[in-house]
PDB file of all heavy atoms in Angstrom:
ATOM      1  N   PHE A   1     -12.970 -12.122   8.875  1.00  0.00           N
ATOM      2  CA  PHE A   1     -14.116 -12.311   9.758  1.00  0.00           C
ATOM      3  C   PHE A   1     -13.870 -13.287  10.910  1.00  0.00           C
ATOM      4  O   PHE A   1     -14.152 -12.977  12.060  1.00  0.00           O
ATOM      5  CB  PHE A   1     -15.327 -12.771   8.940  1.00  0.00           C
ATOM      6  CG  PHE A   1     -16.577 -12.932   9.751  1.00  0.00           C
ATOM      7  CD1 PHE A   1     -17.361 -11.832  10.057  1.00  0.00           C
ATOM      8  CD2 PHE A   1     -16.957 -14.170  10.222  1.00  0.00           C
ATOM      9  CE1 PHE A   1     -18.506 -11.975  10.815  1.00  0.00           C
ATOM     10  CE2 PHE A   1     -18.104 -14.323  10.984  1.00  0.00           C
ATOM     11  CZ  PHE A   1     -18.879 -13.226  11.275  1.00  0.00           C
ATOM     12  N   GLY A   2     -13.361 -14.468  10.626  1.00  0.00           N
ATOM     13  CA  GLY A   2     -13.236 -15.475  11.668  1.00  0.00           C
ATOM     14  C   GLY A   2     -11.883 -15.547  12.347  1.00  0.00           C
ATOM     15  O   GLY A   2     -11.681 -16.406  13.209  1.00  0.00           O
ATOM     16  N   PHE A   3     -10.975 -14.636  11.987  1.00  0.00           N
ATOM     17  CA  PHE A   3      -9.591 -14.735  12.461  1.00  0.00           C
ATOM     18  C   PHE A   3      -9.066 -13.342  12.816  1.00  0.00           C
ATOM     19  O   PHE A   3      -9.682 -12.335  12.489  1.00  0.00           O
ATOM     20  CB  PHE A   3      -8.711 -15.370  11.379  1.00  0.00           C
ATOM     21  CG  PHE A   3      -9.246 -16.683  10.875  1.00  0.00           C
ATOM     22  CD1 PHE A   3      -9.965 -16.746   9.690  1.00  0.00           C
ATOM     23  CD2 PHE A   3      -9.063 -17.839  11.614  1.00  0.00           C
ATOM     24  CE1 PHE A   3     -10.475 -17.952   9.235  1.00  0.00           C
ATOM     25  CE2 PHE A   3      -9.565 -19.057  11.164  1.00  0.00           C
ATOM     26  CZ  PHE A   3     -10.277 -19.109   9.969  1.00  0.00           C
ATOM     27  N   PRO A   4      -7.888 -13.261  13.470  1.00  0.00           N
ATOM     28  CA  PRO A   4      -7.321 -11.941  13.762  1.00  0.00           C
ATOM     29  C   PRO A   4      -7.102 -11.136  12.482  1.00  0.00           C
ATOM     30  O   PRO A   4      -6.732 -11.675  11.438  1.00  0.00           O
ATOM     31  CB  PRO A   4      -5.983 -12.284  14.427  1.00  0.00           C
ATOM     32  CG  PRO A   4      -6.180 -13.641  15.010  1.00  0.00           C
ATOM     33  CD  PRO A   4      -7.080 -14.359  14.052  1.00  0.00           C
ATOM     34  N   SER A   5      -7.350  -9.844  12.578  1.00  0.00           N
ATOM     35  CA  SER A   5      -7.152  -8.932  11.454  1.00  0.00           C
ATOM     36  C   SER A   5      -5.999  -7.997  11.755  1.00  0.00           C
ATOM     37  O   SER A   5      -5.649  -7.770  12.919  1.00  0.00           O
ATOM     38  CB  SER A   5      -8.422  -8.114  11.190  1.00  0.00           C
ATOM     39  OG  SER A   5      -9.478  -8.948  10.746  1.00  0.00           O
ATOM     40  N   GLY A   6      -5.439  -7.419  10.684  1.00  0.00           N
ATOM     41  CA  GLY A   6      -4.311  -6.516  10.841  1.00  0.00           C
ATOM     42  C   GLY A   6      -4.564  -5.158  10.215  1.00  0.00           C
ATOM     43  O   GLY A   6      -5.496  -4.972   9.425  1.00  0.00           O
ATOM     44  N   PHE A   7      -3.696  -4.204  10.573  1.00  0.00           N
ATOM     45  CA  PHE A   7      -3.691  -2.870   9.989  1.00  0.00           C
ATOM     46  C   PHE A   7      -2.387  -2.745   9.206  1.00  0.00           C
ATOM     47  O   PHE A   7      -1.304  -3.021   9.738  1.00  0.00           O
ATOM     48  CB  PHE A   7      -3.780  -1.804  11.072  1.00  0.00           C
ATOM     49  CG  PHE A   7      -3.866  -0.400  10.550  1.00  0.00           C
ATOM     50  CD1 PHE A   7      -4.818  -0.028   9.613  1.00  0.00           C
ATOM     51  CD2 PHE A   7      -2.990   0.581  11.015  1.00  0.00           C
ATOM     52  CE1 PHE A   7      -4.903   1.261   9.139  1.00  0.00           C
ATOM     53  CE2 PHE A   7      -3.072   1.890  10.543  1.00  0.00           C
ATOM     54  CZ  PHE A   7      -4.032   2.223   9.605  1.00  0.00           C
ATOM     55  N   TYR A   8      -2.481  -2.327   7.937  1.00  0.00           N
ATOM     56  CA  TYR A   8      -1.350  -2.373   7.013  1.00  0.00           C
ATOM     57  C   TYR A   8      -1.038  -1.002   6.422  1.00  0.00           C
ATOM     58  O   TYR A   8      -1.892  -0.106   6.419  1.00  0.00           O
ATOM     59  CB  TYR A   8      -1.662  -3.317   5.842  1.00  0.00           C
ATOM     60  CG  TYR A   8      -1.949  -4.744   6.224  1.00  0.00           C
ATOM     61  CD1 TYR A   8      -3.219  -5.123   6.670  1.00  0.00           C
ATOM     62  CD2 TYR A   8      -0.962  -5.724   6.141  1.00  0.00           C
ATOM     63  CE1 TYR A   8      -3.493  -6.445   7.006  1.00  0.00           C
ATOM     64  CE2 TYR A   8      -1.226  -7.045   6.478  1.00  0.00           C
ATOM     65  CZ  TYR A   8      -2.492  -7.397   6.915  1.00  0.00           C
ATOM     66  OH  TYR A   8      -2.761  -8.701   7.247  1.00  0.00           O
ATOM     67  N   ARG A   9       0.183  -0.888   5.889  1.00  0.00           N
ATOM     68  CA  ARG A   9       0.500   0.271   5.063  1.00  0.00           C
ATOM     69  C   ARG A   9       1.272  -0.209   3.833  1.00  0.00           C
ATOM     70  O   ARG A   9       2.052  -1.170   3.899  1.00  0.00           O
ATOM     71  CB  ARG A   9       1.299   1.313   5.833  1.00  0.00           C
ATOM     72  CG  ARG A   9       2.725   0.937   6.183  1.00  0.00           C
ATOM     73  CD  ARG A   9       3.413   2.063   6.963  1.00  0.00           C
ATOM     74  NE  ARG A   9       4.823   1.748   7.221  1.00  0.00           N
ATOM     75  CZ  ARG A   9       5.630   2.510   7.967  1.00  0.00           C
ATOM     76  NH1 ARG A   9       5.155   3.619   8.531  1.00  0.00           N
ATOM     77  NH2 ARG A   9       6.890   2.173   8.148  1.00  0.00           N
ATOM     78  N   TYR A  10       0.998   0.471   2.719  1.00  0.00           N
ATOM     79  CA  TYR A  10       1.648   0.137   1.458  1.00  0.00           C
ATOM     80  C   TYR A  10       2.367   1.373   0.947  1.00  0.00           C
ATOM     81  O   TYR A  10       1.749   2.426   0.748  1.00  0.00           O
ATOM     82  CB  TYR A  10       0.613  -0.331   0.433  1.00  0.00           C
ATOM     83  CG  TYR A  10       1.182  -0.492  -0.966  1.00  0.00           C
ATOM     84  CD1 TYR A  10       2.082  -1.516  -1.249  1.00  0.00           C
ATOM     85  CD2 TYR A  10       0.842   0.386  -1.988  1.00  0.00           C
ATOM     86  CE1 TYR A  10       2.623  -1.674  -2.519  1.00  0.00           C
ATOM     87  CE2 TYR A  10       1.367   0.244  -3.264  1.00  0.00           C
ATOM     88  CZ  TYR A  10       2.253  -0.783  -3.524  1.00  0.00           C
ATOM     89  OH  TYR A  10       2.784  -0.919  -4.785  1.00  0.00           O
ATOM     90  N   THR A  11       3.674   1.241   0.757  1.00  0.00           N
ATOM     91  CA  THR A  11       4.484   2.332   0.228  1.00  0.00           C
ATOM     92  C   THR A  11       4.805   2.014  -1.227  1.00  0.00           C
ATOM     93  O   THR A  11       5.546   1.078  -1.526  1.00  0.00           O
ATOM     94  CB  THR A  11       5.784   2.501   1.036  1.00  0.00           C
ATOM     95  OG1 THR A  11       5.462   2.671   2.422  1.00  0.00           O
ATOM     96  CG2 THR A  11       6.561   3.709   0.545  1.00  0.00           C
ATOM     97  N   ALA A  12       4.197   2.777  -2.137  1.00  0.00           N
ATOM     98  CA  ALA A  12       4.380   2.539  -3.570  1.00  0.00           C
ATOM     99  C   ALA A  12       5.770   2.971  -4.004  1.00  0.00           C
ATOM    100  O   ALA A  12       6.416   3.806  -3.351  1.00  0.00           O
ATOM    101  CB  ALA A  12       3.313   3.301  -4.359  1.00  0.00           C
ATOM    102  N   PRO A  13       6.258   2.438  -5.132  1.00  0.00           N
ATOM    103  CA  PRO A  13       7.599   2.823  -5.600  1.00  0.00           C
ATOM    104  C   PRO A  13       7.679   4.275  -6.050  1.00  0.00           C
ATOM    105  O   PRO A  13       8.769   4.847  -6.080  1.00  0.00           O
ATOM    106  CB  PRO A  13       7.854   1.862  -6.769  1.00  0.00           C
ATOM    107  CG  PRO A  13       6.512   1.393  -7.194  1.00  0.00           C
ATOM    108  CD  PRO A  13       5.667   1.382  -5.966  1.00  0.00           C
ATOM    109  N   VAL A  14       6.537   4.873  -6.398  1.00  0.00           N
ATOM    110  CA  VAL A  14       6.463   6.289  -6.755  1.00  0.00           C
ATOM    111  C   VAL A  14       5.301   6.903  -5.971  1.00  0.00           C
ATOM    112  O   VAL A  14       4.218   6.314  -5.891  1.00  0.00           O
ATOM    113  CB  VAL A  14       6.231   6.487  -8.272  1.00  0.00           C
ATOM    114  CG1 VAL A  14       6.113   7.971  -8.611  1.00  0.00           C
ATOM    115  CG2 VAL A  14       7.360   5.845  -9.075  1.00  0.00           C
ATOM    116  N   ASN A  15       5.524   8.060  -5.383  1.00  0.00           N
ATOM    117  CA  ASN A  15       4.498   8.716  -4.577  1.00  0.00           C
ATOM    118  C   ASN A  15       3.251   8.978  -5.423  1.00  0.00           C
ATOM    119  O   ASN A  15       3.305   9.741  -6.395  1.00  0.00           O
ATOM    120  CB  ASN A  15       5.045  10.038  -4.024  1.00  0.00           C
ATOM    121  CG  ASN A  15       4.111  10.676  -3.017  1.00  0.00           C
ATOM    122  OD1 ASN A  15       2.900  10.496  -3.050  1.00  0.00           O
ATOM    123  ND2 ASN A  15       4.687  11.452  -2.103  1.00  0.00           N
ATOM    124  N   PRO A  16       2.104   8.376  -5.082  1.00  0.00           N
ATOM    125  CA  PRO A  16       0.903   8.580  -5.902  1.00  0.00           C
ATOM    126  C   PRO A  16       0.360  10.001  -5.851  1.00  0.00           C
ATOM    127  O   PRO A  16      -0.356  10.427  -6.766  1.00  0.00           O
ATOM    128  CB  PRO A  16      -0.093   7.575  -5.319  1.00  0.00           C
ATOM    129  CG  PRO A  16       0.363   7.362  -3.908  1.00  0.00           C
ATOM    130  CD  PRO A  16       1.851   7.460  -3.965  1.00  0.00           C
ATOM    131  N   MET A  17       0.699  10.760  -4.806  1.00  0.00           N
ATOM    132  CA  MET A  17       0.265  12.156  -4.736  1.00  0.00           C
ATOM    133  C   MET A  17       0.956  12.988  -5.812  1.00  0.00           C
ATOM    134  O   MET A  17       0.421  14.000  -6.263  1.00  0.00           O
ATOM    135  CB  MET A  17       0.553  12.730  -3.354  1.00  0.00           C
ATOM    136  CG  MET A  17      -0.224  12.063  -2.228  1.00  0.00           C
ATOM    137  SD  MET A  17      -2.025  12.264  -2.385  1.00  0.00           S
ATOM    138  CE  MET A  17      -2.185  14.046  -2.210  1.00  0.00           C
ATOM    139  N   GLU A  18       2.133  12.562  -6.223  1.00  0.00           N
ATOM    140  CA  GLU A  18       2.853  13.253  -7.291  1.00  0.00           C
ATOM    141  C   GLU A  18       2.509  12.678  -8.665  1.00  0.00           C
ATOM    142  O   GLU A  18       2.392  13.412  -9.635  1.00  0.00           O
ATOM    143  CB  GLU A  18       4.358  13.141  -7.044  1.00  0.00           C
ATOM    144  CG  GLU A  18       4.808  13.771  -5.731  1.00  0.00           C
ATOM    145  CD  GLU A  18       6.261  13.476  -5.404  1.00  0.00           C
ATOM    146  OE1 GLU A  18       6.913  12.756  -6.201  1.00  0.00           O
ATOM    147  OE2 GLU A  18       6.737  13.927  -4.344  1.00  0.00           O
ATOM    148  N   ARG A  19       2.309  11.372  -8.722  1.00  0.00           N
ATOM    149  CA  ARG A  19       2.056  10.710  -9.992  1.00  0.00           C
ATOM    150  C   ARG A  19       0.583  10.769 -10.400  1.00  0.00           C
ATOM    151  O   ARG A  19       0.250  10.721 -11.574  1.00  0.00           O
ATOM    152  CB  ARG A  19       2.518   9.253  -9.903  1.00  0.00           C
ATOM    153  CG  ARG A  19       2.396   8.478 -11.207  1.00  0.00           C
ATOM    154  CD  ARG A  19       2.901   7.055 -11.028  1.00  0.00           C
ATOM    155  NE  ARG A  19       2.744   6.264 -12.234  1.00  0.00           N
ATOM    156  CZ  ARG A  19       3.621   6.217 -13.215  1.00  0.00           C
ATOM    157  NH1 ARG A  19       4.735   6.933 -13.127  1.00  0.00           N
ATOM    158  NH2 ARG A  19       3.406   5.472 -14.285  1.00  0.00           N
ATOM    159  N   GLY A  20      -0.322  10.827  -9.414  1.00  0.00           N
ATOM    160  CA  GLY A  20      -1.746  10.850  -9.707  1.00  0.00           C
ATOM    161  C   GLY A  20      -2.333   9.485  -9.977  1.00  0.00           C
ATOM    162  O   GLY A  20      -3.426   9.363 -10.529  1.00  0.00           O
ATOM    163  N   ARG A  21      -1.669   8.425  -9.568  1.00  0.00           N
ATOM    164  CA  ARG A  21      -2.171   7.058  -9.664  1.00  0.00           C
ATOM    165  C   ARG A  21      -1.291   6.155  -8.814  1.00  0.00           C
ATOM    166  O   ARG A  21      -0.166   6.512  -8.446  1.00  0.00           O
ATOM    167  CB  ARG A  21      -2.179   6.546 -11.111  1.00  0.00           C
ATOM    168  CG  ARG A  21      -0.828   6.489 -11.776  1.00  0.00           C
ATOM    169  CD  ARG A  21      -0.941   6.030 -13.217  1.00  0.00           C
ATOM    170  NE  ARG A  21      -1.231   4.606 -13.313  1.00  0.00           N
ATOM    171  CZ  ARG A  21      -0.304   3.670 -13.497  1.00  0.00           C
ATOM    172  NH1 ARG A  21       0.985   4.020 -13.597  1.00  0.00           N
ATOM    173  NH2 ARG A  21      -0.625   2.401 -13.576  1.00  0.00           N
ATOM    174  N   LEU A  22      -1.815   4.971  -8.492  1.00  0.00           N
ATOM    175  CA  LEU A  22      -1.065   3.997  -7.709  1.00  0.00           C
ATOM    176  C   LEU A  22      -0.227   3.116  -8.619  1.00  0.00           C
ATOM    177  O   LEU A  22      -0.658   2.766  -9.722  1.00  0.00           O
ATOM    178  CB  LEU A  22      -2.032   3.103  -6.923  1.00  0.00           C
ATOM    179  CG  LEU A  22      -2.685   3.689  -5.678  1.00  0.00           C
ATOM    180  CD1 LEU A  22      -3.714   2.703  -5.131  1.00  0.00           C
ATOM    181  CD2 LEU A  22      -1.638   3.988  -4.608  1.00  0.00           C
ATOM    182  N   ARG A  23       0.943   2.749  -8.140  1.00  0.00           N
ATOM    183  CA  ARG A  23       1.779   1.798  -8.865  1.00  0.00           C
ATOM    184  C   ARG A  23       2.042   0.577  -7.993  1.00  0.00           C
ATOM    185  O   ARG A  23       2.140   0.676  -6.761  1.00  0.00           O
ATOM    186  CB  ARG A  23       3.112   2.428  -9.268  1.00  0.00           C
ATOM    187  CG  ARG A  23       3.038   3.297 -10.516  1.00  0.00           C
ATOM    188  CD  ARG A  23       4.418   3.704 -10.981  1.00  0.00           C
ATOM    189  NE  ARG A  23       5.271   2.530 -11.229  1.00  0.00           N
ATOM    190  CZ  ARG A  23       6.562   2.619 -11.554  1.00  0.00           C
ATOM    191  NH1 ARG A  23       7.135   3.812 -11.669  1.00  0.00           N
ATOM    192  NH2 ARG A  23       7.271   1.534 -11.769  1.00  0.00           N
ATOM    193  N   ASP A  24       2.161  -0.572  -8.654  1.00  0.00           N
ATOM    194  CA  ASP A  24       2.496  -1.809  -7.973  1.00  0.00           C
ATOM    195  C   ASP A  24       4.008  -1.859  -7.727  1.00  0.00           C
ATOM    196  O   ASP A  24       4.759  -1.007  -8.198  1.00  0.00           O
ATOM    197  CB  ASP A  24       2.039  -2.992  -8.829  1.00  0.00           C
ATOM    198  CG  ASP A  24       1.851  -4.263  -8.025  1.00  0.00           C
ATOM    199  OD1 ASP A  24       2.111  -4.256  -6.810  1.00  0.00           O
ATOM    200  OD2 ASP A  24       1.438  -5.277  -8.629  1.00  0.00           O
ATOM    201  N   GLY A  25       4.441  -2.883  -6.985  1.00  0.00           N
ATOM    202  CA  GLY A  25       5.864  -3.084  -6.778  1.00  0.00           C
ATOM    203  C   GLY A  25       6.415  -2.469  -5.514  1.00  0.00           C
ATOM    204  O   GLY A  25       7.639  -2.451  -5.310  1.00  0.00           O
ATOM    205  N   GLY A  26       5.534  -1.969  -4.640  1.00  0.00           N
ATOM    206  CA  GLY A  26       5.992  -1.337  -3.414  1.00  0.00           C
ATOM    207  C   GLY A  26       6.134  -2.317  -2.259  1.00  0.00           C
ATOM    208  O   GLY A  26       6.205  -3.534  -2.450  1.00  0.00           O
ATOM    209  N   VAL A  27       6.146  -1.776  -1.037  1.00  0.00           N
ATOM    210  CA  VAL A  27       6.398  -2.543   0.180  1.00  0.00           C
ATOM    211  C   VAL A  27       5.150  -2.542   1.049  1.00  0.00           C
ATOM    212  O   VAL A  27       4.543  -1.492   1.287  1.00  0.00           O
ATOM    213  CB  VAL A  27       7.586  -1.954   0.965  1.00  0.00           C
ATOM    214  CG1 VAL A  27       7.760  -2.655   2.307  1.00  0.00           C
ATOM    215  CG2 VAL A  27       8.869  -2.063   0.143  1.00  0.00           C
ATOM    216  N   LEU A  28       4.755  -3.735   1.526  1.00  0.00           N
ATOM    217  CA  LEU A  28       3.624  -3.885   2.438  1.00  0.00           C
ATOM    218  C   LEU A  28       4.143  -4.196   3.839  1.00  0.00           C
ATOM    219  O   LEU A  28       5.014  -5.048   4.011  1.00  0.00           O
ATOM    220  CB  LEU A  28       2.706  -5.012   1.956  1.00  0.00           C
ATOM    221  CG  LEU A  28       1.445  -5.252   2.800  1.00  0.00           C
ATOM    222  CD1 LEU A  28       0.480  -4.082   2.666  1.00  0.00           C
ATOM    223  CD2 LEU A  28       0.757  -6.559   2.388  1.00  0.00           C
ATOM    224  N   GLU A  29       3.579  -3.486   4.819  1.00  0.00           N
ATOM    225  CA  GLU A  29       3.945  -3.697   6.219  1.00  0.00           C
ATOM    226  C   GLU A  29       2.686  -3.792   7.072  1.00  0.00           C
ATOM    227  O   GLU A  29       1.619  -3.342   6.683  1.00  0.00           O
ATOM    228  CB  GLU A  29       4.822  -2.554   6.720  1.00  0.00           C
ATOM    229  CG  GLU A  29       6.149  -2.403   5.971  1.00  0.00           C
ATOM    230  CD  GLU A  29       6.830  -1.100   6.310  1.00  0.00           C
ATOM    231  OE1 GLU A  29       6.302  -0.046   5.901  1.00  0.00           O
ATOM    232  OE2 GLU A  29       7.891  -1.148   6.967  1.00  0.00           O
TER     233      GLU A  29
END
């Protein structure tokens, strides 16, 4: 709210479209 905001993407270690759920341990950019 009071500071600059960003737009991010998270790439999970396993594609959630194939696995059917999100997994931790990926990369944030």
